[in-house]
C-alpha cells in the first residue's frame, strides 16, 4: 500500500467567524425594545405629564386650559373637605395595615400544617374572588339601619338594632375597613402560608426539641423567617389603601356629606362630577406622590433593618 492510497483525514471545518454579525446584532438589539418603550410612554408617561400640566391650570374639560399656577394646590390644602379626605385616607392606611394583615397572619399560622388546613382557609379566601363593588353591595345591605346586622342584633335582644353604622364619621370609615378586611384577609393568609412553606423544617424541629412551643416558637423562630413576605403584604396593603375608591363609592359615595371621602374619591368627584379637571389633577398628582413616597420610605426602612440584622 503506497502513501498515495492512504486516506487523508478530512479537514476540520471551523465555524465561520460571526463577530461582525454579532456586533451588528448588538447595535440593533435596543431597537427591539422600542415598541415596549413606546407603549409605556403612551399609556403611562404622557398621561402623567398631561395630568401634571393640568394640575397647574383652570380647566373644565371643554375650553382650553388656563394657567393658574399653584392655585389648585392652595385650594386643596385649604379646603376642609379635602383635608378630611386626607385624614380618612390615612385612617384607611392604618386600618388596612393592621386588621387584614394581623387576621391573615393568624389564619395562616393556625391552619398551617393542619390536616384540613386548606379547607379551613377556603372560607377566608373566597371573598377575594369577588370585586370591590360586590363587597360594597353586600356590606351595604348588612350595615343598613334595618339591615342584616341590625336584624340579627334585634333577634338576639342585643343593643344596636337601629344603629346607623354608615351615617356618621369616622365610624362609617371604620365599618368599611371591616368590610374590606373580610375580603383581603384571605389573600394575606395565602401569602403568609407561602412564606411558612419556605421556612426550612430542620431549625423548627431543633427549636421544638429545645422546648419552644406555641407563641414562643412563633415569636422567636417563625416570625423572623416571615419578614420578607410580611414586607410584601404590608407594602401591598399600603398601596391598596391609599387608592381606596370602589367600596366607599358603593357604600356611602363619600357621605353623609363628605364624612367618608378618601383622596381617590375626592379626585373622582372634582374631575367627573364637578368638572374641575385642574383640581382633580392636583389631587391625583398629590395622591401619586404620597403613594410613591410611602412605598419608597417603607422599602428603605425594611432594607435598612435587613442589613442591620444581616
C-alpha atoms as a PDB file:
ATOM      1  CA  UNK A   1       0.000   0.000   0.000  1.00  0.00           C
ATOM      2  CA  UNK A   2       1.519   3.264  -1.121  1.00  0.00           C
ATOM      3  CA  UNK A   3       1.295   6.564   0.533  1.00  0.00           C
ATOM      4  CA  UNK A   4      -0.907   7.846  -2.293  1.00  0.00           C
ATOM      5  CA  UNK A   5      -3.561   5.303  -1.397  1.00  0.00           C
ATOM      6  CA  UNK A   6      -3.665   6.370   2.241  1.00  0.00           C
ATOM      7  CA  UNK A   7      -6.783   8.317   3.102  1.00  0.00           C
ATOM      8  CA  UNK A   8      -6.048  11.726   4.385  1.00  0.00           C
ATOM      9  CA  UNK A   9      -8.128  12.891   7.276  1.00  0.00           C
ATOM     10  CA  UNK A  10     -10.815  15.327   6.271  1.00  0.00           C
ATOM     11  CA  UNK A  11     -10.012  18.879   7.211  1.00  0.00           C
ATOM     12  CA  UNK A  12     -11.797  20.118  10.287  1.00  0.00           C
ATOM     13  CA  UNK A  13     -14.404  22.624   9.296  1.00  0.00           C
ATOM     14  CA  UNK A  14     -14.332  25.641  11.508  1.00  0.00           C
ATOM     15  CA  UNK A  15     -17.433  27.619  12.262  1.00  0.00           C
ATOM     16  CA  UNK A  16     -17.491  30.861  10.360  1.00  0.00           C
ATOM     17  CA  UNK A  17     -16.492  33.882  12.281  1.00  0.00           C
ATOM     18  CA  UNK A  18     -19.607  35.813  13.094  1.00  0.00           C
ATOM     19  CA  UNK A  19     -18.156  38.641  15.115  1.00  0.00           C
ATOM     20  CA  UNK A  20     -19.302  41.199  12.603  1.00  0.00           C
ATOM     21  CA  UNK A  21     -22.885  39.936  12.566  1.00  0.00           C
ATOM     22  CA  UNK A  22     -22.918  39.773  16.347  1.00  0.00           C
ATOM     23  CA  UNK A  23     -21.670  43.327  16.527  1.00  0.00           C
ATOM     24  CA  UNK A  24     -24.386  44.443  14.158  1.00  0.00           C
ATOM     25  CA  UNK A  25     -26.925  42.446  16.163  1.00  0.00           C
ATOM     26  CA  UNK A  26     -25.761  44.100  19.370  1.00  0.00           C
ATOM     27  CA  UNK A  27     -26.205  47.521  17.805  1.00  0.00           C
ATOM     28  CA  UNK A  28     -29.714  46.715  16.679  1.00  0.00           C
ATOM     29  CA  UNK A  29     -30.745  44.986  19.917  1.00  0.00           C
ATOM     30  CA  UNK A  30     -32.113  48.171  21.547  1.00  0.00           C
ATOM     31  CA  UNK A  31     -34.468  48.543  18.587  1.00  0.00           C
ATOM     32  CA  UNK A  32     -36.421  45.537  19.819  1.00  0.00           C
ATOM     33  CA  UNK A  33     -37.271  47.461  22.989  1.00  0.00           C
ATOM     34  CA  UNK A  34     -38.677  50.465  21.157  1.00  0.00           C
ATOM     35  CA  UNK A  35     -42.247  49.110  20.810  1.00  0.00           C
ATOM     36  CA  UNK A  36     -42.465  48.370  24.542  1.00  0.00           C
ATOM     37  CA  UNK A  37     -40.971  51.760  25.389  1.00  0.00           C
ATOM     38  CA  UNK A  38     -43.476  53.442  23.068  1.00  0.00           C
ATOM     39  CA  UNK A  39     -46.402  51.662  24.750  1.00  0.00           C
ATOM     40  CA  UNK A  40     -45.150  52.628  28.221  1.00  0.00           C
ATOM     41  CA  UNK A  41     -44.674  56.236  27.131  1.00  0.00           C
ATOM     42  CA  UNK A  42     -48.108  56.346  25.522  1.00  0.00           C
ATOM     43  CA  UNK A  43     -50.028  54.745  28.387  1.00  0.00           C
ATOM     44  CA  UNK A  44     -48.048  55.945  31.417  1.00  0.00           C
ATOM     45  CA  UNK A  45     -45.648  58.826  30.948  1.00  0.00           C
ATOM     46  CA  UNK A  46     -47.684  61.012  28.597  1.00  0.00           C
ATOM     47  CA  UNK A  47     -50.862  60.872  30.744  1.00  0.00           C
ATOM     48  CA  UNK A  48     -48.764  61.611  33.841  1.00  0.00           C
ATOM     49  CA  UNK A  49     -47.158  64.640  32.176  1.00  0.00           C
ATOM     50  CA  UNK A  50     -50.544  65.861  30.940  1.00  0.00           C
ATOM     51  CA  UNK A  51     -52.071  65.456  34.417  1.00  0.00           C
ATOM     52  CA  UNK A  52     -49.150  67.351  35.913  1.00  0.00           C
ATOM     53  CA  UNK A  53     -49.675  70.203  33.461  1.00  0.00           C
ATOM     54  CA  UNK A  54     -53.453  70.312  34.002  1.00  0.00           C
ATOM     55  CA  UNK A  55     -52.957  70.469  37.781  1.00  0.00           C
ATOM     56  CA  UNK A  56     -51.445  73.932  37.301  1.00  0.00           C
ATOM     57  CA  UNK A  57     -54.359  75.176  35.181  1.00  0.00           C
ATOM     58  CA  UNK A  58     -58.023  76.103  35.374  1.00  0.00           C
ATOM     59  CA  UNK A  59     -59.644  73.533  33.098  1.00  0.00           C
ATOM     60  CA  UNK A  60     -63.221  72.289  32.788  1.00  0.00           C
ATOM     61  CA  UNK A  61     -62.563  69.643  30.139  1.00  0.00           C
ATOM     62  CA  UNK A  62     -64.039  71.716  27.302  1.00  0.00           C
ATOM     63  CA  UNK A  63     -62.277  75.054  26.913  1.00  0.00           C
ATOM     64  CA  UNK A  64     -58.512  75.375  26.662  1.00  0.00           C
ATOM     65  CA  UNK A  65     -56.601  75.109  29.963  1.00  0.00           C
ATOM     66  CA  UNK A  66     -55.753  78.445  31.547  1.00  0.00           C
ATOM     67  CA  UNK A  67     -52.537  78.598  33.572  1.00  0.00           C
ATOM     68  CA  UNK A  68     -53.278  79.235  37.262  1.00  0.00           C
ATOM     69  CA  UNK A  69     -50.002  78.285  38.938  1.00  0.00           C
ATOM     70  CA  UNK A  70     -50.328  76.815  42.438  1.00  0.00           C
ATOM     71  CA  UNK A  71     -53.954  77.873  42.880  1.00  0.00           C
ATOM     72  CA  UNK A  72     -55.284  74.313  42.780  1.00  0.00           C
ATOM     73  CA  UNK A  73     -52.787  73.130  45.375  1.00  0.00           C
ATOM     74  CA  UNK A  74     -53.527  76.077  47.672  1.00  0.00           C
ATOM     75  CA  UNK A  75     -57.235  75.335  47.369  1.00  0.00           C
ATOM     76  CA  UNK A  76     -56.622  71.658  48.054  1.00  0.00           C
ATOM     77  CA  UNK A  77     -54.821  72.226  51.348  1.00  0.00           C
ATOM     78  CA  UNK A  78     -57.212  74.987  52.471  1.00  0.00           C
ATOM     79  CA  UNK A  79     -60.417  73.068  51.724  1.00  0.00           C
ATOM     80  CA  UNK A  80     -61.619  71.346  54.941  1.00  0.00           C
ATOM     81  CA  UNK A  81     -63.365  68.642  52.893  1.00  0.00           C
ATOM     82  CA  UNK A  82     -60.124  67.675  51.172  1.00  0.00           C
ATOM     83  CA  UNK A  83     -58.250  67.777  54.472  1.00  0.00           C
ATOM     84  CA  UNK A  84     -60.912  65.429  55.845  1.00  0.00           C
ATOM     85  CA  UNK A  85     -60.404  63.151  52.833  1.00  0.00           C
ATOM     86  CA  UNK A  86     -56.685  63.076  53.601  1.00  0.00           C
ATOM     87  CA  UNK A  87     -57.413  62.110  57.220  1.00  0.00           C
ATOM     88  CA  UNK A  88     -59.773  59.346  56.085  1.00  0.00           C
ATOM     89  CA  UNK A  89     -57.142  58.062  53.655  1.00  0.00           C
ATOM     90  CA  UNK A  90     -54.586  57.870  56.466  1.00  0.00           C
ATOM     91  CA  UNK A  91     -57.194  56.046  58.554  1.00  0.00           C
ATOM     92  CA  UNK A  92     -57.562  53.547  55.725  1.00  0.00           C
ATOM     93  CA  UNK A  93     -53.788  53.048  55.650  1.00  0.00           C
ATOM     94  CA  UNK A  94     -53.639  52.335  59.381  1.00  0.00           C
ATOM     95  CA  UNK A  95     -56.670  50.055  59.262  1.00  0.00           C
ATOM     96  CA  UNK A  96     -55.532  48.033  56.259  1.00  0.00           C
ATOM     97  CA  UNK A  97     -52.009  47.594  57.595  1.00  0.00           C
ATOM     98  CA  UNK A  98     -53.343  46.212  60.878  1.00  0.00           C
ATOM     99  CA  UNK A  99     -56.654  44.324  60.564  1.00  0.00           C
ATOM    100  CA  UNK A 100     -56.259  42.309  57.316  1.00  0.00           C
ATOM    101  CA  UNK A 101     -52.564  41.671  57.913  1.00  0.00           C
ATOM    102  CA  UNK A 102     -52.980  40.505  61.512  1.00  0.00           C
ATOM    103  CA  UNK A 103     -56.043  38.391  60.686  1.00  0.00           C
ATOM    104  CA  UNK A 104     -54.345  36.865  57.636  1.00  0.00           C
ATOM    105  CA  UNK A 105     -51.244  36.026  59.686  1.00  0.00           C
ATOM    106  CA  UNK A 106     -53.397  34.485  62.414  1.00  0.00           C
ATOM    107  CA  UNK A 107     -55.313  32.321  59.930  1.00  0.00           C
ATOM    108  CA  UNK A 108     -52.106  31.204  58.211  1.00  0.00           C
ATOM    109  CA  UNK A 109     -50.306  30.228  61.425  1.00  0.00           C
ATOM    110  CA  UNK A 110     -53.289  28.423  62.970  1.00  0.00           C
ATOM    111  CA  UNK A 111     -54.093  26.419  59.822  1.00  0.00           C
ATOM    112  CA  UNK A 112     -50.574  25.708  58.575  1.00  0.00           C
ATOM    113  CA  UNK A 113     -49.663  22.059  58.978  1.00  0.00           C
ATOM    114  CA  UNK A 114     -53.230  21.158  59.908  1.00  0.00           C
ATOM    115  CA  UNK A 115     -54.763  18.163  58.164  1.00  0.00           C
ATOM    116  CA  UNK A 116     -57.706  20.255  56.979  1.00  0.00           C
ATOM    117  CA  UNK A 117     -55.719  23.480  56.648  1.00  0.00           C
ATOM    118  CA  UNK A 118     -56.663  24.101  53.012  1.00  0.00           C
ATOM    119  CA  UNK A 119     -60.370  23.723  53.733  1.00  0.00           C
ATOM    120  CA  UNK A 120     -60.129  25.862  56.850  1.00  0.00           C
ATOM    121  CA  UNK A 121     -58.566  28.702  54.825  1.00  0.00           C
ATOM    122  CA  UNK A 122     -61.070  28.434  51.993  1.00  0.00           C
ATOM    123  CA  UNK A 123     -63.880  30.498  53.647  1.00  0.00           C
ATOM    124  CA  UNK A 124     -61.388  33.343  54.172  1.00  0.00           C
ATOM    125  CA  UNK A 125     -60.080  33.134  50.606  1.00  0.00           C
ATOM    126  CA  UNK A 126     -63.411  33.027  48.761  1.00  0.00           C
ATOM    127  CA  UNK A 127     -64.329  36.718  49.365  1.00  0.00           C
ATOM    128  CA  UNK A 128     -61.185  37.764  47.493  1.00  0.00           C
ATOM    129  CA  UNK A 129     -62.675  36.259  44.337  1.00  0.00           C
ATOM    130  CA  UNK A 130     -65.426  38.907  44.232  1.00  0.00           C
ATOM    131  CA  UNK A 131     -64.955  42.525  43.220  1.00  0.00           C
ATOM    132  CA  UNK A 132     -64.795  45.542  45.492  1.00  0.00           C
ATOM    133  CA  UNK A 133     -68.150  46.688  44.113  1.00  0.00           C
ATOM    134  CA  UNK A 134     -69.746  43.397  45.157  1.00  0.00           C
ATOM    135  CA  UNK A 135     -68.194  43.749  48.615  1.00  0.00           C
ATOM    136  CA  UNK A 136     -69.733  47.217  48.877  1.00  0.00           C
ATOM    137  CA  UNK A 137     -73.167  45.962  47.845  1.00  0.00           C
ATOM    138  CA  UNK A 138     -73.090  43.039  50.309  1.00  0.00           C
ATOM    139  CA  UNK A 139     -71.879  45.052  53.269  1.00  0.00           C
ATOM    140  CA  UNK A 140     -74.121  47.978  52.395  1.00  0.00           C
ATOM    141  CA  UNK A 141     -77.058  45.601  52.850  1.00  0.00           C
ATOM    142  CA  UNK A 142     -75.591  44.243  56.080  1.00  0.00           C
ATOM    143  CA  UNK A 143     -74.904  47.664  57.641  1.00  0.00           C
ATOM    144  CA  UNK A 144     -78.159  49.458  56.785  1.00  0.00           C
ATOM    145  CA  UNK A 145     -80.061  50.699  59.861  1.00  0.00           C
ATOM    146  CA  UNK A 146     -82.575  47.860  59.364  1.00  0.00           C
ATOM    147  CA  UNK A 147     -80.154  45.587  57.536  1.00  0.00           C
ATOM    148  CA  UNK A 148     -78.926  42.111  58.275  1.00  0.00           C
ATOM    149  CA  UNK A 149     -76.720  43.146  61.203  1.00  0.00           C
ATOM    150  CA  UNK A 150     -79.462  45.182  62.864  1.00  0.00           C
ATOM    151  CA  UNK A 151     -81.982  42.375  62.442  1.00  0.00           C
ATOM    152  CA  UNK A 152     -79.548  39.853  63.912  1.00  0.00           C
ATOM    153  CA  UNK A 153     -78.909  42.088  66.939  1.00  0.00           C
ATOM    154  CA  UNK A 154     -82.654  42.557  67.424  1.00  0.00           C
ATOM    155  CA  UNK A 155     -83.300  38.817  67.142  1.00  0.00           C
ATOM    156  CA  UNK A 156     -80.845  38.094  69.966  1.00  0.00           C
ATOM    157  CA  UNK A 157     -82.059  41.031  72.039  1.00  0.00           C
ATOM    158  CA  UNK A 158     -78.767  42.923  71.777  1.00  0.00           C
ATOM    159  CA  UNK A 159     -78.436  46.726  71.565  1.00  0.00           C
ATOM    160  CA  UNK A 160     -77.746  48.420  68.247  1.00  0.00           C
ATOM    161  CA  UNK A 161     -80.711  47.133  66.242  1.00  0.00           C
ATOM    162  CA  UNK A 162     -81.391  50.509  64.581  1.00  0.00           C
ATOM    163  CA  UNK A 163     -77.849  51.888  64.606  1.00  0.00           C
ATOM    164  CA  UNK A 164     -76.829  53.891  61.550  1.00  0.00           C
ATOM    165  CA  UNK A 165     -73.457  52.242  61.045  1.00  0.00           C
ATOM    166  CA  UNK A 166     -72.696  54.319  57.950  1.00  0.00           C
ATOM    167  CA  UNK A 167     -74.375  57.560  58.962  1.00  0.00           C
ATOM    168  CA  UNK A 168     -71.519  59.388  60.699  1.00  0.00           C
ATOM    169  CA  UNK A 169     -67.739  59.583  60.530  1.00  0.00           C
ATOM    170  CA  UNK A 170     -65.277  58.253  61.398  1.00  0.00           C
ATOM    171  CA  UNK A 171     -67.415  55.260  62.358  1.00  0.00           C
ATOM    172  CA  UNK A 172     -68.541  54.744  58.770  1.00  0.00           C
ATOM    173  CA  UNK A 173     -64.919  54.590  57.607  1.00  0.00           C
ATOM    174  CA  UNK A 174     -64.104  52.047  60.323  1.00  0.00           C
ATOM    175  CA  UNK A 175     -67.036  49.841  59.286  1.00  0.00           C
ATOM    176  CA  UNK A 176     -65.917  49.956  55.642  1.00  0.00           C
ATOM    177  CA  UNK A 177     -62.417  48.950  56.729  1.00  0.00           C
ATOM    178  CA  UNK A 178     -64.005  45.931  58.418  1.00  0.00           C
ATOM    179  CA  UNK A 179     -65.801  45.126  55.143  1.00  0.00           C
ATOM    180  CA  UNK A 180     -62.554  45.237  53.144  1.00  0.00           C
ATOM    181  CA  UNK A 181     -60.826  43.205  55.857  1.00  0.00           C
ATOM    182  CA  UNK A 182     -63.380  40.469  55.193  1.00  0.00           C
ATOM    183  CA  UNK A 183     -62.218  40.467  51.570  1.00  0.00           C
ATOM    184  CA  UNK A 184     -58.454  40.980  51.985  1.00  0.00           C
ATOM    185  CA  UNK A 185     -57.622  38.717  54.938  1.00  0.00           C
ATOM    186  CA  UNK A 186     -57.814  35.542  52.849  1.00  0.00           C
ATOM    187  CA  UNK A 187     -55.215  36.523  50.251  1.00  0.00           C
ATOM    188  CA  UNK A 188     -52.927  37.762  53.030  1.00  0.00           C
ATOM    189  CA  UNK A 189     -53.306  34.383  54.721  1.00  0.00           C
ATOM    190  CA  UNK A 190     -52.383  32.669  51.454  1.00  0.00           C
ATOM    191  CA  UNK A 191     -49.250  34.805  51.101  1.00  0.00           C
ATOM    192  CA  UNK A 192     -48.224  34.041  54.680  1.00  0.00           C
ATOM    193  CA  UNK A 193     -48.744  30.312  54.040  1.00  0.00           C
ATOM    194  CA  UNK A 194     -46.329  30.606  51.105  1.00  0.00           C
ATOM    195  CA  UNK A 195     -43.855  32.232  53.487  1.00  0.00           C
ATOM    196  CA  UNK A 196     -44.334  29.445  56.034  1.00  0.00           C
ATOM    197  CA  UNK A 197     -43.720  26.810  53.376  1.00  0.00           C
ATOM    198  CA  UNK A 198     -40.364  28.406  52.545  1.00  0.00           C
ATOM    199  CA  UNK A 199     -39.082  28.017  56.130  1.00  0.00           C
ATOM    200  CA  UNK A 200     -36.675  25.038  56.497  1.00  0.00           C
ATOM    201  CA  UNK A 201     -38.029  22.278  58.705  1.00  0.00           C
ATOM    202  CA  UNK A 202     -34.732  21.456  60.474  1.00  0.00           C
ATOM    203  CA  UNK A 203     -34.427  24.665  62.548  1.00  0.00           C
ATOM    204  CA  UNK A 204     -38.046  24.336  63.648  1.00  0.00           C
ATOM    205  CA  UNK A 205     -37.533  20.734  64.728  1.00  0.00           C
ATOM    206  CA  UNK A 206     -34.438  21.758  66.661  1.00  0.00           C
ATOM    207  CA  UNK A 207     -36.388  24.550  68.337  1.00  0.00           C
ATOM    208  CA  UNK A 208     -39.139  22.142  69.343  1.00  0.00           C
ATOM    209  CA  UNK A 209     -36.556  19.781  70.812  1.00  0.00           C
ATOM    210  CA  UNK A 210     -35.288  22.707  72.884  1.00  0.00           C
ATOM    211  CA  UNK A 211     -38.789  23.214  74.257  1.00  0.00           C
ATOM    212  CA  UNK A 212     -40.052  26.030  72.027  1.00  0.00           C
ATOM    213  CA  UNK A 213     -43.794  25.707  71.513  1.00  0.00           C
ATOM    214  CA  UNK A 214     -46.799  27.898  70.821  1.00  0.00           C
ATOM    215  CA  UNK A 215     -46.252  31.648  70.982  1.00  0.00           C
ATOM    216  CA  UNK A 216     -42.580  31.268  71.854  1.00  0.00           C
ATOM    217  CA  UNK A 217     -41.969  29.188  68.729  1.00  0.00           C
ATOM    218  CA  UNK A 218     -43.813  31.756  66.606  1.00  0.00           C
ATOM    219  CA  UNK A 219     -42.130  34.827  68.102  1.00  0.00           C
ATOM    220  CA  UNK A 220     -38.526  33.626  68.058  1.00  0.00           C
ATOM    221  CA  UNK A 221     -38.438  31.247  65.094  1.00  0.00           C
ATOM    222  CA  UNK A 222     -41.385  31.685  62.701  1.00  0.00           C
ATOM    223  CA  UNK A 223     -41.842  35.451  62.773  1.00  0.00           C
ATOM    224  CA  UNK A 224     -38.206  36.336  61.881  1.00  0.00           C
ATOM    225  CA  UNK A 225     -38.406  33.956  58.903  1.00  0.00           C
ATOM    226  CA  UNK A 226     -41.631  35.620  57.720  1.00  0.00           C
ATOM    227  CA  UNK A 227     -40.133  39.100  57.445  1.00  0.00           C
ATOM    228  CA  UNK A 228     -39.658  39.006  53.623  1.00  0.00           C
ATOM    229  CA  UNK A 229     -43.256  38.006  52.915  1.00  0.00           C
ATOM    230  CA  UNK A 230     -44.501  40.413  55.591  1.00  0.00           C
ATOM    231  CA  UNK A 231     -42.736  43.225  53.748  1.00  0.00           C
ATOM    232  CA  UNK A 232     -44.635  42.300  50.584  1.00  0.00           C
ATOM    233  CA  UNK A 233     -48.003  42.007  52.348  1.00  0.00           C
ATOM    234  CA  UNK A 234     -47.688  45.335  54.177  1.00  0.00           C
ATOM    235  CA  UNK A 235     -46.376  47.084  51.057  1.00  0.00           C
ATOM    236  CA  UNK A 236     -49.369  45.898  49.022  1.00  0.00           C
ATOM    237  CA  UNK A 237     -51.714  46.922  51.831  1.00  0.00           C
ATOM    238  CA  UNK A 238     -50.274  50.445  51.945  1.00  0.00           C
ATOM    239  CA  UNK A 239     -50.567  50.972  48.195  1.00  0.00           C
ATOM    240  CA  UNK A 240     -54.065  49.484  48.062  1.00  0.00           C
ATOM    241  CA  UNK A 241     -55.367  51.556  50.973  1.00  0.00           C
ATOM    242  CA  UNK A 242     -54.080  54.834  49.519  1.00  0.00           C
ATOM    243  CA  UNK A 243     -56.180  54.371  46.375  1.00  0.00           C
ATOM    244  CA  UNK A 244     -59.366  53.100  48.056  1.00  0.00           C
ATOM    245  CA  UNK A 245     -62.356  54.033  45.936  1.00  0.00           C
ATOM    246  CA  UNK A 246     -64.810  51.335  44.866  1.00  0.00           C
ATOM    247  CA  UNK A 247     -66.062  50.148  48.262  1.00  0.00           C
ATOM    248  CA  UNK A 248     -66.516  53.709  49.557  1.00  0.00           C
ATOM    249  CA  UNK A 249     -68.318  54.824  46.411  1.00  0.00           C
ATOM    250  CA  UNK A 250     -70.777  51.919  46.505  1.00  0.00           C
ATOM    251  CA  UNK A 251     -71.473  52.030  50.253  1.00  0.00           C
ATOM    252  CA  UNK A 252     -71.613  55.768  51.013  1.00  0.00           C
ATOM    253  CA  UNK A 253     -70.467  57.758  47.940  1.00  0.00           C
ATOM    254  CA  UNK A 254     -68.282  59.630  50.407  1.00  0.00           C
ATOM    255  CA  UNK A 255     -71.200  60.674  52.604  1.00  0.00           C
ATOM    256  CA  UNK A 256     -73.075  61.646  54.510  1.00  0.00           C
ATOM    257  CA  UNK A 257     -71.752  64.903  53.146  1.00  0.00           C
ATOM    258  CA  UNK A 258     -68.034  64.286  52.803  1.00  0.00           C
ATOM    259  CA  UNK A 259     -67.546  62.419  56.086  1.00  0.00           C
ATOM    260  CA  UNK A 260     -66.198  59.242  54.459  1.00  0.00           C
ATOM    261  CA  UNK A 261     -64.448  60.610  51.383  1.00  0.00           C
ATOM    262  CA  UNK A 262     -60.954  59.444  50.520  1.00  0.00           C
ATOM    263  CA  UNK A 263     -58.472  61.239  48.285  1.00  0.00           C
ATOM    264  CA  UNK A 264     -59.296  58.893  45.402  1.00  0.00           C
ATOM    265  CA  UNK A 265     -63.000  59.643  45.792  1.00  0.00           C
ATOM    266  CA  UNK A 266     -62.365  63.391  46.031  1.00  0.00           C
ATOM    267  CA  UNK A 267     -60.303  63.189  42.846  1.00  0.00           C
ATOM    268  CA  UNK A 268     -63.181  61.459  41.061  1.00  0.00           C
ATOM    269  CA  UNK A 269     -65.791  63.953  42.284  1.00  0.00           C
ATOM    270  CA  UNK A 270     -63.733  67.018  41.436  1.00  0.00           C
ATOM    271  CA  UNK A 271     -62.943  65.724  37.953  1.00  0.00           C
ATOM    272  CA  UNK A 272     -66.066  63.929  36.731  1.00  0.00           C
ATOM    273  CA  UNK A 273     -68.849  65.355  38.903  1.00  0.00           C
ATOM    274  CA  UNK A 274     -67.810  68.992  39.324  1.00  0.00           C
ATOM    275  CA  UNK A 275     -65.851  69.118  36.023  1.00  0.00           C
ATOM    276  CA  UNK A 276     -62.906  70.800  37.755  1.00  0.00           C
ATOM    277  CA  UNK A 277     -60.142  68.944  35.965  1.00  0.00           C
ATOM    278  CA  UNK A 278     -57.436  71.197  37.359  1.00  0.00           C
ATOM    279  CA  UNK A 279     -58.372  70.490  40.975  1.00  0.00           C
ATOM    280  CA  UNK A 280     -58.891  66.792  40.255  1.00  0.00           C
ATOM    281  CA  UNK A 281     -55.485  66.570  38.590  1.00  0.00           C
ATOM    282  CA  UNK A 282     -53.851  68.283  41.570  1.00  0.00           C
ATOM    283  CA  UNK A 283     -55.381  65.710  43.921  1.00  0.00           C
ATOM    284  CA  UNK A 284     -54.335  62.887  41.580  1.00  0.00           C
ATOM    285  CA  UNK A 285     -50.754  64.124  41.430  1.00  0.00           C
ATOM    286  CA  UNK A 286     -50.609  64.599  45.197  1.00  0.00           C
ATOM    287  CA  UNK A 287     -52.005  61.095  45.763  1.00  0.00           C
ATOM    288  CA  UNK A 288     -49.473  59.613  43.329  1.00  0.00           C
ATOM    289  CA  UNK A 289     -46.582  61.340  45.079  1.00  0.00           C
ATOM    290  CA  UNK A 290     -47.826  60.214  48.509  1.00  0.00           C
ATOM    291  CA  UNK A 291     -48.138  56.613  47.287  1.00  0.00           C
ATOM    292  CA  UNK A 292     -44.679  56.688  45.722  1.00  0.00           C
ATOM    293  CA  UNK A 293     -43.079  58.288  48.793  1.00  0.00           C
ATOM    294  CA  UNK A 294     -44.774  55.872  51.196  1.00  0.00           C
ATOM    295  CA  UNK A 295     -43.614  52.881  49.141  1.00  0.00           C
ATOM    296  CA  UNK A 296     -40.023  54.113  48.893  1.00  0.00           C
ATOM    297  CA  UNK A 297     -39.773  55.016  52.590  1.00  0.00           C
ATOM    298  CA  UNK A 298     -41.243  51.696  53.665  1.00  0.00           C
ATOM    299  CA  UNK A 299     -38.941  49.664  51.425  1.00  0.00           C
ATOM    300  CA  UNK A 300     -35.874  51.656  52.525  1.00  0.00           C
ATOM    301  CA  UNK A 301     -36.838  51.101  56.158  1.00  0.00           C
ATOM    302  CA  UNK A 302     -37.214  47.370  55.601  1.00  0.00           C
ATOM    303  CA  UNK A 303     -33.923  47.138  53.688  1.00  0.00           C
ATOM    304  CA  UNK A 304     -32.166  49.073  56.440  1.00  0.00           C
ATOM    305  CA  UNK A 305     -33.449  46.704  59.097  1.00  0.00           C
ATOM    306  CA  UNK A 306     -32.463  43.681  56.988  1.00  0.00           C
ATOM    307  CA  UNK A 307     -28.898  44.992  56.648  1.00  0.00           C
ATOM    308  CA  UNK A 308     -28.638  45.625  60.386  1.00  0.00           C
ATOM    309  CA  UNK A 309     -29.792  42.085  61.130  1.00  0.00           C
ATOM    310  CA  UNK A 310     -27.501  40.675  58.465  1.00  0.00           C
END
